Every structure is written in structure tokens, then in C-alpha cells.
Amino acid sequence: MKQSSFAIPLAPEENAQLVLIELEAARIRGPAQAVPNGERVAALLAMLVKRKAIPKHRLRWFTDPDCFIGGRGSSREDVFLRRVPNGDALVRHIQFLAYLRYFLFGPDLPQPAIDAFCRKVNDCGQVTSGDIIPLSQFARTLSKAHRLERKKAADEFFKLALECGLSANYGASVRNTVIRS
């Protein structure tokens, strides 16, 4: 995964821990690899939390039911905790790697799409409800231009909307337009 312009800066000890982590769950074979990888993830996350390095909107995306479209009143964290016994196990779980990637690097979109969407948001100044339809249509156009898979692109544009300071409701509008492309 290429680092985007939204990657959080890492302290040297955090970066040293990150290079030891396999971020691709599909590459991990069995408990012999998963357990130590999970321990390294937990150590890195503890460092990041201690210095409050993860942007609040990324944590909110994980913990707030309003940021989980289709979550039926549950957050991503709530759903995850139904599958694992506790928060400690959650961060060590192989499926947590996708969340960690977002916490570290932000939305997984091509950098030109990120730049273009952010410029469009900035051009709006104070984003209002009247700006959302054109912004959403622009995100859909970017998704098509970059030949992105609809569902994944929709979720990543939702994250990008949060990165740009848009509300969860506005982000949901962007997401819904992209997914309907």
C-alpha cells in the first residue's frame, strides 16, 4: 500500500515497530505468524494511543455508529467486539489490520483522486448542503475515472470526506452516490 498524503507521522520507535508488522492479512499463515504479528500491532497501537497520534475522525469512524452506514445502530468496534472476547484481543486479531491501515495511512484511494476531491472540497469554502450533490457526483466521476471497484471506492470516499472535515451525514451522501455509479 502506498502511503497517502494523510499518513500520520510516526516517531522512530513507532516506525521501527511498523516495519515488523505484516499489514496484509492474506499473507499471514497460521497462529505461528498471527500471534507475534498481533503482539506487534498491539505494541504499535499502544504507542500511537499514548501520544494521541491517530486523528479523532479516524477513531470516530471505528467507534461511532453514525460512521458505520448499514451498521444498524452499531459501530465497527461494536460489531468486531461481538466476534472477539475483549479489546485486547480485538487489536491482535488478524482482521484488525485493515482498521490499523486506515488509522495509519487514511483512505486507500489513488493520490490524484485524493488531491482532486480535496481541492473540490476546499473550493467550496464552508461546505453546505447545496455543495454535497456536486461533491458526491465529483467523487463518483473520480471513482469511474480511476476504475475503482464501487463498494470499496464508496467506503474510501466516505473516509476521505471525513478527512476533509465533512460530517458523517455528508460523507454518507458521497458514499451513497459513489456506490450507485
N, C-alpha and C. Protein backbone atom coordinates (compact mmCIF):
# COMPACT_ATOMS: atom_id res chain seq x y z
N MET A 1 0.84 -1.18 0.00
CA MET A 1 0.00 0.00 0.00
C MET A 1 0.88 1.24 0.00
N LYS A 2 0.59 2.12 -0.92
CA LYS A 2 1.33 3.38 -0.97
C LYS A 2 0.80 4.30 0.11
N GLN A 3 1.70 5.02 0.75
CA GLN A 3 1.29 5.98 1.75
C GLN A 3 0.68 7.20 1.08
N SER A 4 -0.44 7.64 1.62
CA SER A 4 -1.10 8.81 1.06
C SER A 4 -0.64 10.05 1.80
N SER A 5 -1.15 11.17 1.33
CA SER A 5 -0.83 12.44 1.99
C SER A 5 -1.45 12.52 3.37
N PHE A 6 -2.32 11.58 3.71
CA PHE A 6 -2.96 11.56 5.03
C PHE A 6 -2.27 10.62 6.01
N ALA A 7 -1.14 10.04 5.64
CA ALA A 7 -0.42 9.17 6.56
C ALA A 7 0.01 9.97 7.78
N ILE A 8 -0.17 9.37 8.95
CA ILE A 8 0.25 10.08 10.16
C ILE A 8 1.76 9.95 10.32
N PRO A 9 2.40 11.01 10.80
CA PRO A 9 3.85 10.91 11.02
C PRO A 9 4.12 9.98 12.19
N LEU A 10 5.10 9.13 12.01
CA LEU A 10 5.46 8.18 13.05
C LEU A 10 6.77 8.55 13.72
N ALA A 11 6.81 8.35 15.02
CA ALA A 11 8.05 8.51 15.76
C ALA A 11 8.98 7.36 15.36
N PRO A 12 10.29 7.53 15.53
CA PRO A 12 11.22 6.46 15.12
C PRO A 12 10.90 5.09 15.72
N GLU A 13 10.52 5.04 17.00
CA GLU A 13 10.21 3.74 17.62
C GLU A 13 8.91 3.15 17.05
N GLU A 14 7.98 4.02 16.66
CA GLU A 14 6.75 3.53 16.04
C GLU A 14 7.04 2.98 14.65
N ASN A 15 7.85 3.69 13.91
CA ASN A 15 8.22 3.23 12.58
C ASN A 15 8.99 1.92 12.66
N ALA A 16 9.86 1.78 13.64
CA ALA A 16 10.62 0.54 13.82
C ALA A 16 9.66 -0.62 14.10
N GLN A 17 8.59 -0.36 14.83
CA GLN A 17 7.59 -1.40 15.11
C GLN A 17 6.79 -1.71 13.85
N LEU A 18 6.42 -0.67 13.11
CA LEU A 18 5.60 -0.85 11.91
C LEU A 18 6.30 -1.72 10.88
N VAL A 19 7.58 -1.54 10.68
CA VAL A 19 8.28 -2.33 9.66
C VAL A 19 8.27 -3.83 9.98
N LEU A 20 8.02 -4.18 11.23
CA LEU A 20 7.96 -5.59 11.63
C LEU A 20 6.57 -6.20 11.45
N ILE A 21 5.58 -5.35 11.17
CA ILE A 21 4.19 -5.80 11.09
C ILE A 21 3.83 -6.14 9.65
N GLU A 22 3.21 -7.29 9.48
CA GLU A 22 2.62 -7.65 8.19
C GLU A 22 1.21 -7.08 8.18
N LEU A 23 0.97 -6.10 7.30
CA LEU A 23 -0.33 -5.43 7.24
C LEU A 23 -1.33 -6.15 6.35
N GLU A 24 -0.88 -7.09 5.56
CA GLU A 24 -1.77 -7.83 4.66
C GLU A 24 -2.17 -9.15 5.31
N ALA A 25 -3.42 -9.22 5.75
CA ALA A 25 -3.92 -10.41 6.45
C ALA A 25 -3.76 -11.67 5.60
N ALA A 26 -3.92 -11.55 4.30
CA ALA A 26 -3.84 -12.71 3.41
C ALA A 26 -2.44 -13.33 3.39
N ARG A 27 -1.45 -12.58 3.78
CA ARG A 27 -0.07 -13.10 3.78
C ARG A 27 0.30 -13.83 5.07
N ILE A 28 -0.55 -13.74 6.07
CA ILE A 28 -0.25 -14.37 7.36
C ILE A 28 -0.78 -15.79 7.34
N ARG A 29 0.11 -16.72 7.64
CA ARG A 29 -0.23 -18.15 7.60
C ARG A 29 -0.19 -18.73 9.01
N GLY A 30 -1.36 -18.91 9.58
CA GLY A 30 -1.49 -19.62 10.84
C GLY A 30 -1.07 -18.83 12.06
N PRO A 31 -1.32 -19.43 13.22
CA PRO A 31 -1.03 -18.78 14.50
C PRO A 31 0.46 -18.46 14.72
N ALA A 32 1.33 -19.25 14.11
CA ALA A 32 2.76 -19.01 14.29
C ALA A 32 3.16 -17.62 13.78
N GLN A 33 2.47 -17.13 12.77
CA GLN A 33 2.71 -15.78 12.26
C GLN A 33 1.74 -14.77 12.86
N ALA A 34 0.49 -15.19 13.05
CA ALA A 34 -0.55 -14.26 13.51
C ALA A 34 -0.32 -13.77 14.92
N VAL A 35 0.10 -14.63 15.82
CA VAL A 35 0.26 -14.24 17.23
C VAL A 35 1.35 -13.18 17.40
N PRO A 36 2.56 -13.40 16.90
CA PRO A 36 3.57 -12.34 17.07
C PRO A 36 3.21 -11.06 16.31
N ASN A 37 2.56 -11.21 15.16
CA ASN A 37 2.15 -10.02 14.41
C ASN A 37 1.13 -9.23 15.23
N GLY A 38 0.19 -9.94 15.85
CA GLY A 38 -0.80 -9.29 16.70
C GLY A 38 -0.17 -8.58 17.88
N GLU A 39 0.85 -9.15 18.44
CA GLU A 39 1.56 -8.51 19.57
C GLU A 39 2.23 -7.22 19.11
N ARG A 40 2.82 -7.26 17.92
CA ARG A 40 3.46 -6.05 17.39
C ARG A 40 2.42 -4.97 17.09
N VAL A 41 1.26 -5.38 16.56
CA VAL A 41 0.18 -4.43 16.31
C VAL A 41 -0.25 -3.77 17.62
N ALA A 42 -0.44 -4.59 18.65
CA ALA A 42 -0.86 -4.06 19.96
C ALA A 42 0.17 -3.08 20.51
N ALA A 43 1.45 -3.40 20.35
CA ALA A 43 2.50 -2.51 20.84
C ALA A 43 2.49 -1.18 20.07
N LEU A 44 2.37 -1.25 18.75
CA LEU A 44 2.33 -0.03 17.95
C LEU A 44 1.10 0.80 18.31
N LEU A 45 -0.03 0.17 18.40
CA LEU A 45 -1.26 0.90 18.71
C LEU A 45 -1.17 1.56 20.08
N ALA A 46 -0.56 0.89 21.04
CA ALA A 46 -0.39 1.48 22.38
C ALA A 46 0.46 2.75 22.30
N MET A 47 1.51 2.72 21.50
CA MET A 47 2.35 3.91 21.33
C MET A 47 1.56 5.05 20.68
N LEU A 48 0.79 4.71 19.66
CA LEU A 48 0.03 5.73 18.95
C LEU A 48 -1.05 6.34 19.84
N VAL A 49 -1.72 5.51 20.60
CA VAL A 49 -2.77 5.99 21.51
C VAL A 49 -2.16 6.86 22.61
N LYS A 50 -1.02 6.43 23.12
CA LYS A 50 -0.37 7.19 24.21
C LYS A 50 -0.06 8.62 23.78
N ARG A 51 0.39 8.79 22.55
CA ARG A 51 0.71 10.15 22.11
C ARG A 51 -0.42 10.80 21.31
N LYS A 52 -1.58 10.13 21.30
CA LYS A 52 -2.78 10.66 20.64
C LYS A 52 -2.51 11.00 19.17
N ALA A 53 -1.84 10.08 18.49
CA ALA A 53 -1.40 10.30 17.11
C ALA A 53 -2.48 9.99 16.08
N ILE A 54 -3.46 9.17 16.43
CA ILE A 54 -4.49 8.80 15.46
C ILE A 54 -5.53 9.91 15.43
N PRO A 55 -5.79 10.47 14.26
CA PRO A 55 -6.78 11.55 14.18
C PRO A 55 -8.14 11.13 14.75
N LYS A 56 -8.78 12.06 15.42
CA LYS A 56 -10.05 11.76 16.10
C LYS A 56 -11.12 11.26 15.15
N HIS A 57 -11.16 11.80 13.93
CA HIS A 57 -12.20 11.35 13.00
C HIS A 57 -11.98 9.91 12.55
N ARG A 58 -10.73 9.44 12.56
CA ARG A 58 -10.48 8.04 12.21
C ARG A 58 -10.93 7.12 13.34
N LEU A 59 -10.67 7.54 14.56
CA LEU A 59 -11.16 6.75 15.69
C LEU A 59 -12.68 6.76 15.72
N ARG A 60 -13.26 7.91 15.43
CA ARG A 60 -14.72 8.03 15.40
C ARG A 60 -15.31 7.12 14.32
N TRP A 61 -14.66 7.02 13.18
CA TRP A 61 -15.09 6.13 12.10
C TRP A 61 -15.21 4.70 12.62
N PHE A 62 -14.34 4.33 13.54
CA PHE A 62 -14.33 2.97 14.10
C PHE A 62 -15.33 2.82 15.25
N THR A 63 -15.50 3.85 16.06
CA THR A 63 -16.27 3.71 17.30
C THR A 63 -17.69 4.29 17.25
N ASP A 64 -18.00 5.12 16.28
CA ASP A 64 -19.28 5.82 16.23
C ASP A 64 -20.26 5.13 15.28
N PRO A 65 -21.42 4.72 15.77
CA PRO A 65 -22.41 4.09 14.89
C PRO A 65 -22.83 4.98 13.71
N ASP A 66 -22.79 6.29 13.88
CA ASP A 66 -23.15 7.20 12.78
C ASP A 66 -22.18 7.11 11.61
N CYS A 67 -21.00 6.61 11.87
CA CYS A 67 -19.99 6.48 10.80
C CYS A 67 -19.98 5.09 10.18
N PHE A 68 -20.92 4.24 10.60
CA PHE A 68 -20.99 2.89 10.05
C PHE A 68 -22.33 2.72 9.34
N ILE A 69 -22.34 3.10 8.09
CA ILE A 69 -23.55 3.01 7.28
C ILE A 69 -23.91 1.53 7.14
N GLY A 70 -25.12 1.21 7.48
CA GLY A 70 -25.55 -0.18 7.42
C GLY A 70 -25.23 -0.94 8.69
N GLY A 71 -24.71 -0.25 9.70
CA GLY A 71 -24.36 -0.91 10.95
C GLY A 71 -25.53 -1.14 11.88
N ARG A 72 -26.70 -0.65 11.50
CA ARG A 72 -27.93 -0.85 12.28
C ARG A 72 -27.76 -0.46 13.74
N GLY A 73 -27.19 0.73 13.92
CA GLY A 73 -27.04 1.25 15.28
C GLY A 73 -25.79 0.80 16.00
N SER A 74 -24.97 0.02 15.34
CA SER A 74 -23.72 -0.45 15.93
C SER A 74 -22.54 0.21 15.23
N SER A 75 -21.46 0.37 15.96
CA SER A 75 -20.21 0.85 15.36
C SER A 75 -19.42 -0.34 14.83
N ARG A 76 -18.38 -0.07 14.09
CA ARG A 76 -17.49 -1.14 13.64
C ARG A 76 -16.88 -1.84 14.85
N GLU A 77 -16.54 -1.06 15.84
CA GLU A 77 -15.98 -1.63 17.07
C GLU A 77 -16.98 -2.56 17.74
N ASP A 78 -18.25 -2.14 17.83
CA ASP A 78 -19.28 -2.99 18.43
C ASP A 78 -19.38 -4.33 17.71
N VAL A 79 -19.42 -4.28 16.39
CA VAL A 79 -19.55 -5.49 15.59
C VAL A 79 -18.32 -6.38 15.80
N PHE A 80 -17.15 -5.78 15.82
CA PHE A 80 -15.91 -6.53 16.00
C PHE A 80 -15.90 -7.19 17.38
N LEU A 81 -16.33 -6.46 18.39
CA LEU A 81 -16.30 -7.00 19.76
C LEU A 81 -17.28 -8.16 19.94
N ARG A 82 -18.24 -8.31 19.06
CA ARG A 82 -19.13 -9.47 19.12
C ARG A 82 -18.40 -10.74 18.70
N ARG A 83 -17.29 -10.58 17.96
CA ARG A 83 -16.55 -11.74 17.45
C ARG A 83 -15.33 -12.09 18.29
N VAL A 84 -14.84 -11.13 19.06
CA VAL A 84 -13.66 -11.37 19.88
C VAL A 84 -13.99 -11.08 21.34
N PRO A 85 -13.27 -11.70 22.28
CA PRO A 85 -13.66 -11.59 23.68
C PRO A 85 -13.51 -10.21 24.33
N ASN A 86 -12.52 -9.43 23.90
CA ASN A 86 -12.30 -8.13 24.55
C ASN A 86 -11.45 -7.23 23.66
N GLY A 87 -11.26 -6.00 24.12
CA GLY A 87 -10.49 -5.03 23.35
C GLY A 87 -9.06 -5.43 23.09
N ASP A 88 -8.44 -6.12 24.06
CA ASP A 88 -7.06 -6.57 23.85
C ASP A 88 -6.98 -7.57 22.69
N ALA A 89 -7.94 -8.49 22.65
CA ALA A 89 -7.96 -9.47 21.57
C ALA A 89 -8.31 -8.79 20.24
N LEU A 90 -9.13 -7.76 20.30
CA LEU A 90 -9.55 -7.06 19.09
C LEU A 90 -8.34 -6.54 18.31
N VAL A 91 -7.44 -5.83 18.96
CA VAL A 91 -6.32 -5.23 18.24
C VAL A 91 -5.30 -6.28 17.78
N ARG A 92 -5.33 -7.45 18.38
CA ARG A 92 -4.41 -8.52 17.97
C ARG A 92 -5.00 -9.39 16.87
N HIS A 93 -6.29 -9.24 16.62
CA HIS A 93 -6.98 -10.07 15.64
C HIS A 93 -6.51 -9.72 14.22
N ILE A 94 -6.38 -10.73 13.40
CA ILE A 94 -5.87 -10.54 12.04
C ILE A 94 -6.74 -9.57 11.24
N GLN A 95 -8.05 -9.58 11.49
CA GLN A 95 -8.93 -8.69 10.73
C GLN A 95 -8.83 -7.23 11.18
N PHE A 96 -8.17 -6.97 12.29
CA PHE A 96 -7.97 -5.59 12.74
C PHE A 96 -6.95 -4.86 11.86
N LEU A 97 -6.17 -5.61 11.10
CA LEU A 97 -5.14 -5.00 10.26
C LEU A 97 -5.71 -3.97 9.29
N ALA A 98 -6.88 -4.21 8.76
CA ALA A 98 -7.50 -3.25 7.83
C ALA A 98 -7.80 -1.94 8.55
N TYR A 99 -8.23 -2.01 9.79
CA TYR A 99 -8.50 -0.80 10.57
C TYR A 99 -7.21 -0.06 10.89
N LEU A 100 -6.19 -0.83 11.26
CA LEU A 100 -4.89 -0.23 11.57
C LEU A 100 -4.35 0.51 10.34
N ARG A 101 -4.50 -0.10 9.18
CA ARG A 101 -4.04 0.55 7.94
C ARG A 101 -4.71 1.91 7.77
N TYR A 102 -6.01 1.97 8.00
CA TYR A 102 -6.72 3.25 7.88
C TYR A 102 -6.24 4.22 8.94
N PHE A 103 -6.09 3.77 10.16
CA PHE A 103 -5.59 4.66 11.22
C PHE A 103 -4.25 5.27 10.85
N LEU A 104 -3.39 4.48 10.23
CA LEU A 104 -2.03 4.93 9.89
C LEU A 104 -1.98 5.78 8.62
N PHE A 105 -2.70 5.35 7.59
CA PHE A 105 -2.49 5.93 6.26
C PHE A 105 -3.67 6.71 5.70
N GLY A 106 -4.83 6.61 6.31
CA GLY A 106 -6.00 7.30 5.79
C GLY A 106 -6.64 6.52 4.67
N PRO A 107 -7.47 7.17 3.87
CA PRO A 107 -8.21 6.49 2.81
C PRO A 107 -7.29 5.84 1.78
N ASP A 108 -7.72 4.68 1.31
CA ASP A 108 -6.96 3.92 0.32
C ASP A 108 -7.51 4.22 -1.07
N LEU A 109 -7.11 5.38 -1.57
CA LEU A 109 -7.50 5.83 -2.90
C LEU A 109 -6.25 6.30 -3.64
N PRO A 110 -6.31 6.34 -4.97
CA PRO A 110 -5.16 6.89 -5.70
C PRO A 110 -4.93 8.35 -5.29
N GLN A 111 -3.67 8.72 -5.13
CA GLN A 111 -3.35 10.07 -4.69
C GLN A 111 -3.95 11.15 -5.59
N PRO A 112 -3.97 10.97 -6.92
CA PRO A 112 -4.61 12.01 -7.75
C PRO A 112 -6.10 12.19 -7.42
N ALA A 113 -6.79 11.10 -7.09
CA ALA A 113 -8.21 11.20 -6.72
C ALA A 113 -8.35 11.92 -5.38
N ILE A 114 -7.48 11.62 -4.44
CA ILE A 114 -7.49 12.29 -3.14
C ILE A 114 -7.27 13.79 -3.34
N ASP A 115 -6.24 14.12 -4.10
CA ASP A 115 -5.92 15.54 -4.32
C ASP A 115 -7.06 16.28 -4.99
N ALA A 116 -7.65 15.68 -6.02
CA ALA A 116 -8.73 16.34 -6.76
C ALA A 116 -9.96 16.55 -5.87
N PHE A 117 -10.33 15.53 -5.09
CA PHE A 117 -11.50 15.66 -4.22
C PHE A 117 -11.25 16.71 -3.14
N CYS A 118 -10.08 16.70 -2.55
CA CYS A 118 -9.76 17.69 -1.50
C CYS A 118 -9.77 19.11 -2.06
N ARG A 119 -9.26 19.29 -3.27
CA ARG A 119 -9.32 20.62 -3.91
C ARG A 119 -10.76 21.06 -4.11
N LYS A 120 -11.59 20.13 -4.56
CA LYS A 120 -13.00 20.44 -4.80
C LYS A 120 -13.69 20.84 -3.49
N VAL A 121 -13.39 20.14 -2.41
CA VAL A 121 -13.97 20.49 -1.10
C VAL A 121 -13.46 21.87 -0.68
N ASN A 122 -12.17 22.10 -0.82
CA ASN A 122 -11.60 23.40 -0.43
C ASN A 122 -12.18 24.54 -1.25
N ASP A 123 -12.45 24.29 -2.52
CA ASP A 123 -13.04 25.31 -3.38
C ASP A 123 -14.43 25.73 -2.90
N CYS A 124 -15.10 24.85 -2.18
CA CYS A 124 -16.43 25.16 -1.65
C CYS A 124 -16.36 26.15 -0.48
N GLY A 125 -15.21 26.24 0.16
CA GLY A 125 -15.13 27.03 1.38
C GLY A 125 -15.89 26.30 2.47
N GLN A 126 -16.82 26.98 3.11
CA GLN A 126 -17.69 26.33 4.09
C GLN A 126 -18.67 25.43 3.33
N VAL A 127 -18.53 24.13 3.48
CA VAL A 127 -19.38 23.19 2.74
C VAL A 127 -20.79 23.24 3.31
N THR A 128 -21.76 23.39 2.40
CA THR A 128 -23.16 23.42 2.79
C THR A 128 -23.90 22.27 2.12
N SER A 129 -25.16 22.11 2.48
CA SER A 129 -25.96 21.04 1.88
C SER A 129 -26.06 21.20 0.37
N GLY A 130 -25.99 22.41 -0.12
CA GLY A 130 -26.03 22.64 -1.56
C GLY A 130 -24.79 22.18 -2.29
N ASP A 131 -23.70 22.00 -1.55
CA ASP A 131 -22.44 21.55 -2.15
C ASP A 131 -22.34 20.03 -2.24
N ILE A 132 -23.15 19.33 -1.48
CA ILE A 132 -22.97 17.88 -1.35
C ILE A 132 -23.28 17.13 -2.64
N ILE A 133 -24.32 17.51 -3.33
CA ILE A 133 -24.64 16.79 -4.58
C ILE A 133 -23.52 16.94 -5.59
N PRO A 134 -23.01 18.16 -5.85
CA PRO A 134 -21.88 18.25 -6.79
C PRO A 134 -20.62 17.53 -6.29
N LEU A 135 -20.35 17.61 -4.99
CA LEU A 135 -19.18 16.90 -4.45
C LEU A 135 -19.34 15.39 -4.61
N SER A 136 -20.53 14.92 -4.34
CA SER A 136 -20.80 13.48 -4.46
C SER A 136 -20.67 13.02 -5.90
N GLN A 137 -21.18 13.80 -6.82
CA GLN A 137 -21.08 13.45 -8.24
C GLN A 137 -19.63 13.49 -8.70
N PHE A 138 -18.87 14.43 -8.15
CA PHE A 138 -17.45 14.51 -8.49
C PHE A 138 -16.71 13.28 -7.99
N ALA A 139 -17.04 12.84 -6.77
CA ALA A 139 -16.41 11.61 -6.23
C ALA A 139 -16.75 10.42 -7.13
N ARG A 140 -17.99 10.34 -7.59
CA ARG A 140 -18.38 9.24 -8.48
C ARG A 140 -17.59 9.31 -9.79
N THR A 141 -17.42 10.51 -10.32
CA THR A 141 -16.64 10.69 -11.55
C THR A 141 -15.20 10.25 -11.34
N LEU A 142 -14.62 10.62 -10.20
CA LEU A 142 -13.25 10.20 -9.89
C LEU A 142 -13.15 8.68 -9.77
N SER A 143 -14.13 8.09 -9.12
CA SER A 143 -14.14 6.64 -8.96
C SER A 143 -14.16 5.94 -10.32
N LYS A 144 -14.99 6.43 -11.21
CA LYS A 144 -15.06 5.84 -12.55
C LYS A 144 -13.78 6.10 -13.34
N ALA A 145 -13.25 7.31 -13.24
CA ALA A 145 -12.04 7.67 -13.99
C ALA A 145 -10.85 6.81 -13.57
N HIS A 146 -10.82 6.43 -12.30
CA HIS A 146 -9.71 5.60 -11.80
C HIS A 146 -10.05 4.12 -11.80
N ARG A 147 -11.23 3.80 -12.37
CA ARG A 147 -11.67 2.40 -12.50
C ARG A 147 -11.62 1.65 -11.16
N LEU A 148 -12.21 2.28 -10.15
CA LEU A 148 -12.22 1.70 -8.82
C LEU A 148 -13.45 0.81 -8.65
N GLU A 149 -13.30 -0.22 -7.85
CA GLU A 149 -14.42 -1.09 -7.53
C GLU A 149 -15.40 -0.27 -6.68
N ARG A 150 -16.67 -0.28 -7.04
CA ARG A 150 -17.67 0.62 -6.46
C ARG A 150 -17.78 0.57 -4.95
N LYS A 151 -17.96 -0.59 -4.38
CA LYS A 151 -18.17 -0.70 -2.93
C LYS A 151 -16.96 -0.19 -2.16
N LYS A 152 -15.79 -0.65 -2.56
CA LYS A 152 -14.57 -0.21 -1.88
C LYS A 152 -14.35 1.29 -2.05
N ALA A 153 -14.55 1.78 -3.27
CA ALA A 153 -14.38 3.21 -3.54
C ALA A 153 -15.37 4.03 -2.72
N ALA A 154 -16.59 3.56 -2.61
CA ALA A 154 -17.61 4.29 -1.84
C ALA A 154 -17.17 4.43 -0.38
N ASP A 155 -16.69 3.34 0.19
CA ASP A 155 -16.24 3.38 1.58
C ASP A 155 -15.02 4.28 1.76
N GLU A 156 -14.12 4.22 0.79
CA GLU A 156 -12.91 5.05 0.89
C GLU A 156 -13.24 6.54 0.67
N PHE A 157 -14.18 6.85 -0.18
CA PHE A 157 -14.59 8.24 -0.34
C PHE A 157 -15.32 8.75 0.91
N PHE A 158 -16.03 7.88 1.59
CA PHE A 158 -16.62 8.26 2.87
C PHE A 158 -15.51 8.68 3.84
N LYS A 159 -14.48 7.85 3.92
CA LYS A 159 -13.33 8.16 4.79
C LYS A 159 -12.68 9.48 4.36
N LEU A 160 -12.54 9.66 3.05
CA LEU A 160 -11.92 10.88 2.54
C LEU A 160 -12.76 12.11 2.90
N ALA A 161 -14.07 11.96 2.84
CA ALA A 161 -14.95 13.07 3.24
C ALA A 161 -14.69 13.44 4.70
N LEU A 162 -14.52 12.45 5.56
CA LEU A 162 -14.20 12.72 6.96
C LEU A 162 -12.84 13.41 7.08
N GLU A 163 -11.87 12.97 6.28
CA GLU A 163 -10.54 13.59 6.29
C GLU A 163 -10.64 15.07 5.93
N CYS A 164 -11.56 15.39 5.04
CA CYS A 164 -11.73 16.77 4.57
C CYS A 164 -12.59 17.60 5.52
N GLY A 165 -12.99 17.01 6.63
CA GLY A 165 -13.75 17.75 7.63
C GLY A 165 -15.25 17.73 7.44
N LEU A 166 -15.74 16.91 6.52
CA LEU A 166 -17.18 16.81 6.32
C LEU A 166 -17.81 15.96 7.42
N SER A 167 -19.08 16.19 7.67
CA SER A 167 -19.79 15.42 8.68
C SER A 167 -20.04 14.00 8.18
N ALA A 168 -20.42 13.12 9.11
CA ALA A 168 -20.75 11.74 8.73
C ALA A 168 -21.95 11.73 7.76
N ASN A 169 -22.90 12.62 7.96
CA ASN A 169 -24.06 12.67 7.05
C ASN A 169 -23.65 13.08 5.64
N TYR A 170 -22.79 14.09 5.53
CA TYR A 170 -22.31 14.49 4.21
C TYR A 170 -21.46 13.38 3.59
N GLY A 171 -20.63 12.75 4.41
CA GLY A 171 -19.83 11.63 3.92
C GLY A 171 -20.69 10.49 3.42
N ALA A 172 -21.80 10.25 4.12
CA ALA A 172 -22.72 9.19 3.69
C ALA A 172 -23.33 9.52 2.33
N SER A 173 -23.60 10.79 2.08
CA SER A 173 -24.13 11.19 0.78
C SER A 173 -23.11 10.93 -0.33
N VAL A 174 -21.87 11.26 -0.05
CA VAL A 174 -20.80 11.00 -1.02
C VAL A 174 -20.71 9.50 -1.27
N ARG A 175 -20.68 8.71 -0.20
CA ARG A 175 -20.58 7.26 -0.30
C ARG A 175 -21.73 6.69 -1.13
N ASN A 176 -22.94 7.11 -0.80
CA ASN A 176 -24.11 6.56 -1.49
C ASN A 176 -24.12 6.87 -2.98
N THR A 177 -23.63 8.05 -3.33
CA THR A 177 -23.57 8.40 -4.76
C THR A 177 -22.53 7.55 -5.48
N VAL A 178 -21.38 7.35 -4.85
CA VAL A 178 -20.32 6.55 -5.47
C VAL A 178 -20.78 5.10 -5.63
N ILE A 179 -21.45 4.57 -4.65
CA ILE A 179 -21.84 3.16 -4.71
C ILE A 179 -22.94 2.92 -5.76
N ARG A 180 -23.70 3.96 -6.07
CA ARG A 180 -24.76 3.84 -7.08
C ARG A 180 -24.24 4.02 -8.50
N SER A 181 -22.95 4.28 -8.66
CA SER A 181 -22.44 4.52 -10.00
C SER A 181 -22.62 3.31 -10.81
